[in-house]
Amino acid sequence: MTTQNILLTGFEPFEQEPLNPSWEAVRALEGWQCQGAQVVARQLPCVFGKALEVLDQMLTEFKPALVICVGQAGGRSQLSLERVAINVDDARIADNAGRQPIDQPIYNDGPAAYFSTLPIKSMVKAMRAAGIPAEVSQTAGTFVCNHVFYGLLHQLTQHTPAIRGGFIHIPYIPSQAARHPGQPSLALDTVIEGLRTAIQSAMTLQQDVVEGGGQLH
């Protein structure tokens, strides 16, 4: 019997950071088994366009049963499970190739937005029960993280709608927060355990719980 794959992606460092905690956490789960499936951890470039080209190649190569992309969100204090991806690139800073698109659609023929197909509220509930700070987030930003999140859901919707996918933002780890005074952080081991719990929930639950997860602003 062929083992199914769970595709877990993180990003290369950007904005002069020496590391990206999303990749450090993701690669720690390479080969981990969950519900008869095995994690395949891969790195994405922090580059508009190129990141989606690499992701598309991974989807074709690994034919995953589940896809979770992970990115860094400095300033956040919890693991943020993203609810919605929007069809716009609006970069406050340049990416690692010097590209800085402003108010550009990711796909000209795409809808305004896609919602995550993961059971995000159940995943948050499980993470909190495990002592891991987590939240539902209503915005993935407009940089390469949202670009990848939207592109992932566009490709899955168009070609393999049975495959579920989504995006998780994670805070700085302490070594980064030390260079950014006043910014929150989470230990890398906590982030790794949070991702492990999130994957377990996504692999075992088909329907999400119905409970509050919104914000006032």
Protein backbone atom coordinates (compact mmCIF):
# COMPACT_ATOMS: atom_id res chain seq x y z
CA MET A 1 0.00 0.00 0.00
CA THR A 2 1.35 3.43 -0.99
CA THR A 3 1.76 5.89 1.87
CA GLN A 4 -0.10 9.15 1.39
CA ASN A 5 1.78 12.43 1.65
CA ILE A 6 1.06 15.50 3.75
CA LEU A 7 2.75 18.48 2.12
CA LEU A 8 4.04 20.97 4.67
CA THR A 9 5.83 24.05 3.38
CA GLY A 10 7.84 26.85 4.99
CA PHE A 11 9.62 29.86 3.55
CA GLU A 12 13.22 30.88 3.15
CA PRO A 13 14.36 33.87 5.25
CA PHE A 14 13.39 37.36 4.07
CA GLU A 15 13.77 41.01 5.10
CA GLN A 16 17.34 40.43 6.31
CA GLU A 17 16.37 37.80 8.88
CA PRO A 18 19.04 35.06 9.29
CA LEU A 19 16.36 32.37 9.44
CA ASN A 20 12.66 31.85 8.91
CA PRO A 21 10.93 30.04 11.79
CA SER A 22 8.35 28.61 9.40
CA TRP A 23 11.03 26.55 7.68
CA GLU A 24 12.76 25.64 10.95
CA ALA A 25 9.48 24.27 12.33
CA VAL A 26 8.33 22.58 9.12
CA ARG A 27 11.56 20.73 8.44
CA ALA A 28 11.51 19.30 11.98
CA LEU A 29 8.39 17.35 10.97
CA GLU A 30 9.87 15.78 7.83
CA GLY A 31 8.92 12.09 7.75
CA TRP A 32 6.50 12.28 10.68
CA GLN A 33 3.60 9.83 10.30
CA CYS A 34 -0.02 10.77 10.94
CA GLN A 35 -3.12 8.70 10.17
CA GLY A 36 -1.26 6.57 7.66
CA ALA A 37 0.24 9.57 5.88
CA GLN A 38 3.77 10.95 5.96
CA VAL A 39 4.87 14.57 6.15
CA VAL A 40 6.92 15.86 3.25
CA ALA A 41 8.53 19.16 4.29
CA ARG A 42 9.68 21.55 1.58
CA GLN A 43 10.91 25.15 1.41
CA LEU A 44 9.35 27.84 -0.78
CA PRO A 45 11.17 30.91 -2.07
CA CYS A 46 9.94 34.24 -0.74
CA VAL A 47 9.39 35.46 -4.28
CA PHE A 48 6.14 36.42 -6.00
CA GLY A 49 5.34 34.08 -8.88
CA LYS A 50 8.28 31.76 -8.30
CA ALA A 51 6.79 30.51 -5.03
CA LEU A 52 3.66 29.36 -6.86
CA GLU A 53 5.68 27.71 -9.62
CA VAL A 54 7.59 25.70 -7.00
CA LEU A 55 4.39 24.88 -5.10
CA ASP A 56 2.68 23.66 -8.27
CA GLN A 57 5.62 21.35 -8.95
CA MET A 58 5.32 19.96 -5.43
CA LEU A 59 1.59 19.31 -5.83
CA THR A 60 2.28 17.38 -9.02
CA GLU A 61 5.20 15.44 -7.57
CA PHE A 62 3.79 14.46 -4.18
CA LYS A 63 0.02 14.30 -4.87
CA PRO A 64 -0.65 15.11 -1.21
CA ALA A 65 -3.77 14.25 0.76
CA LEU A 66 -3.39 17.50 2.73
CA VAL A 67 -1.44 20.72 2.21
CA ILE A 68 -0.54 23.21 4.93
CA CYS A 69 1.68 26.17 4.08
CA VAL A 70 3.36 27.96 6.98
CA GLY A 71 4.79 31.47 7.12
CA GLN A 72 6.36 33.95 9.53
CA ALA A 73 4.26 36.78 10.98
CA GLY A 74 6.46 38.92 13.16
CA GLY A 75 4.38 40.78 15.73
CA ARG A 76 1.80 38.03 16.24
CA SER A 77 1.78 36.20 19.56
CA GLN A 78 -0.12 33.04 18.58
CA LEU A 79 -0.24 30.48 15.82
CA SER A 80 -2.72 32.04 13.41
CA LEU A 81 -4.86 29.74 11.28
CA GLU A 82 -5.85 31.81 8.29
CA ARG A 83 -9.48 31.89 7.23
CA VAL A 84 -9.32 33.71 3.88
CA ALA A 85 -6.90 34.39 1.02
CA ILE A 86 -7.52 37.42 -1.22
CA ASN A 87 -6.69 37.90 -4.89
CA VAL A 88 -4.22 40.75 -4.58
CA ASP A 89 -0.49 41.31 -4.28
CA ASP A 90 0.27 44.60 -2.52
CA ALA A 91 3.82 44.43 -1.21
CA ARG A 92 4.97 46.83 1.51
CA ILE A 93 8.53 45.59 0.95
CA ALA A 94 10.31 43.93 -1.95
CA ASP A 95 10.54 40.14 -2.06
CA ASN A 96 13.85 38.27 -2.24
CA ALA A 97 14.08 38.89 -5.98
CA GLY A 98 13.47 42.61 -5.63
CA ARG A 99 9.87 42.39 -6.85
CA GLN A 100 7.29 44.67 -5.27
CA PRO A 101 3.91 44.35 -6.97
CA ILE A 102 1.30 46.91 -5.98
CA ASP A 103 -2.44 46.24 -6.31
CA GLN A 104 -1.92 43.37 -8.76
CA PRO A 105 -4.24 40.35 -9.01
CA ILE A 106 -2.64 36.99 -8.32
CA TYR A 107 -4.82 35.38 -11.00
CA ASN A 108 -6.65 37.60 -13.49
CA ASP A 109 -9.40 34.99 -13.83
CA GLY A 110 -9.63 34.17 -10.11
CA PRO A 111 -12.38 35.10 -7.64
CA ALA A 112 -11.88 37.88 -5.12
CA ALA A 113 -11.14 35.38 -2.34
CA TYR A 114 -10.97 31.77 -1.25
CA PHE A 115 -11.70 30.35 2.19
CA SER A 116 -9.44 27.77 3.79
CA THR A 117 -10.71 24.24 3.35
CA LEU A 118 -9.19 23.12 6.66
CA PRO A 119 -11.28 22.71 9.84
CA ILE A 120 -9.58 25.77 11.28
CA LYS A 121 -11.76 26.25 14.37
CA SER A 122 -11.40 22.61 15.36
CA MET A 123 -7.65 22.91 14.84
CA VAL A 124 -7.49 25.99 17.06
CA LYS A 125 -9.57 24.24 19.71
CA ALA A 126 -7.24 21.22 19.71
CA MET A 127 -4.14 23.41 19.90
CA ARG A 128 -5.50 25.40 22.82
CA ALA A 129 -6.41 22.16 24.61
CA ALA A 130 -2.77 21.13 24.21
CA GLY A 131 -1.62 24.39 25.82
CA ILE A 132 -0.56 26.03 22.57
CA PRO A 133 -1.68 29.62 21.92
CA ALA A 134 -3.70 29.69 18.69
CA GLU A 135 -6.33 31.80 16.95
CA VAL A 136 -8.39 32.11 13.80
CA SER A 137 -7.00 34.97 11.72
CA GLN A 138 -9.05 36.99 9.26
CA THR A 139 -6.12 38.23 7.15
CA ALA A 140 -3.03 36.61 5.72
CA GLY A 141 -1.67 40.00 4.65
CA THR A 142 -0.89 40.93 1.04
CA PHE A 143 2.72 39.74 0.77
CA VAL A 144 4.07 36.36 -0.41
CA CYS A 145 2.23 34.40 2.31
CA ASN A 146 -1.19 35.47 1.03
CA HIS A 147 0.11 35.00 -2.53
CA VAL A 148 0.92 31.36 -1.77
CA PHE A 149 -2.26 30.78 0.24
CA TYR A 150 -4.45 32.10 -2.58
CA GLY A 151 -2.45 30.29 -5.26
CA LEU A 152 -2.69 27.00 -3.36
CA LEU A 153 -6.46 27.21 -3.01
CA HIS A 154 -6.86 28.31 -6.63
CA GLN A 155 -4.91 25.30 -7.88
CA LEU A 156 -6.70 22.85 -5.59
CA THR A 157 -10.12 24.24 -6.52
CA GLN A 158 -9.35 24.08 -10.22
CA HIS A 159 -7.68 20.67 -10.36
CA THR A 160 -8.03 18.61 -7.16
CA PRO A 161 -10.94 19.91 -5.05
CA ALA A 162 -10.92 16.80 -2.85
CA ILE A 163 -7.55 17.83 -1.40
CA ARG A 164 -7.82 20.20 1.55
CA GLY A 165 -5.40 23.03 2.09
CA GLY A 166 -4.72 26.11 4.15
CA PHE A 167 -2.19 28.42 5.73
CA ILE A 168 -0.80 28.96 9.24
CA HIS A 169 1.17 32.02 10.33
CA ILE A 170 3.59 31.64 13.23
CA PRO A 171 5.29 34.26 15.46
CA TYR A 172 8.96 35.01 15.74
CA ILE A 173 11.02 32.57 17.76
CA PRO A 174 12.96 34.02 20.75
CA SER A 175 16.26 34.52 18.90
CA GLN A 176 14.43 36.76 16.44
CA ALA A 177 12.48 38.64 19.10
CA ALA A 178 15.80 39.45 20.77
CA ARG A 179 16.63 41.52 17.69
CA HIS A 180 13.16 43.10 17.64
CA PRO A 181 12.59 44.50 21.16
CA GLY A 182 9.01 44.42 22.29
CA GLN A 183 7.90 41.82 19.75
CA PRO A 184 6.27 38.60 21.02
CA SER A 185 7.68 35.17 20.31
CA LEU A 186 7.06 31.46 20.78
CA ALA A 187 9.62 28.74 21.40
CA LEU A 188 10.34 26.67 18.32
CA ASP A 189 9.38 23.45 20.15
CA THR A 190 5.98 24.97 20.93
CA VAL A 191 5.46 25.89 17.28
CA ILE A 192 6.44 22.39 16.16
CA GLU A 193 4.01 20.81 18.61
CA GLY A 194 1.32 23.22 17.45
CA LEU A 195 1.81 22.19 13.83
CA ARG A 196 1.76 18.53 14.82
CA THR A 197 -1.57 19.06 16.62
CA ALA A 198 -2.95 21.03 13.67
CA ILE A 199 -2.08 18.24 11.24
CA GLN A 200 -3.64 15.59 13.47
CA SER A 201 -6.88 17.57 13.62
CA ALA A 202 -6.95 18.22 9.89
CA MET A 203 -6.35 14.56 9.11
CA THR A 204 -9.01 13.22 11.48
CA LEU A 205 -11.83 15.79 11.25
CA GLN A 206 -13.96 16.27 8.16
CA GLN A 207 -16.33 18.90 9.57
CA ASP A 208 -15.43 21.99 11.54
CA VAL A 209 -16.96 22.94 14.87
CA VAL A 210 -19.44 25.81 14.93
CA GLU A 211 -18.23 28.27 17.54
CA GLY A 212 -17.05 31.85 17.73
CA GLY A 213 -13.73 32.66 16.12
CA GLY A 214 -14.19 36.17 14.75
CA GLN A 215 -12.85 39.56 15.79
CA LEU A 216 -14.37 42.99 16.22
CA HIS A 217 -11.55 44.68 14.29
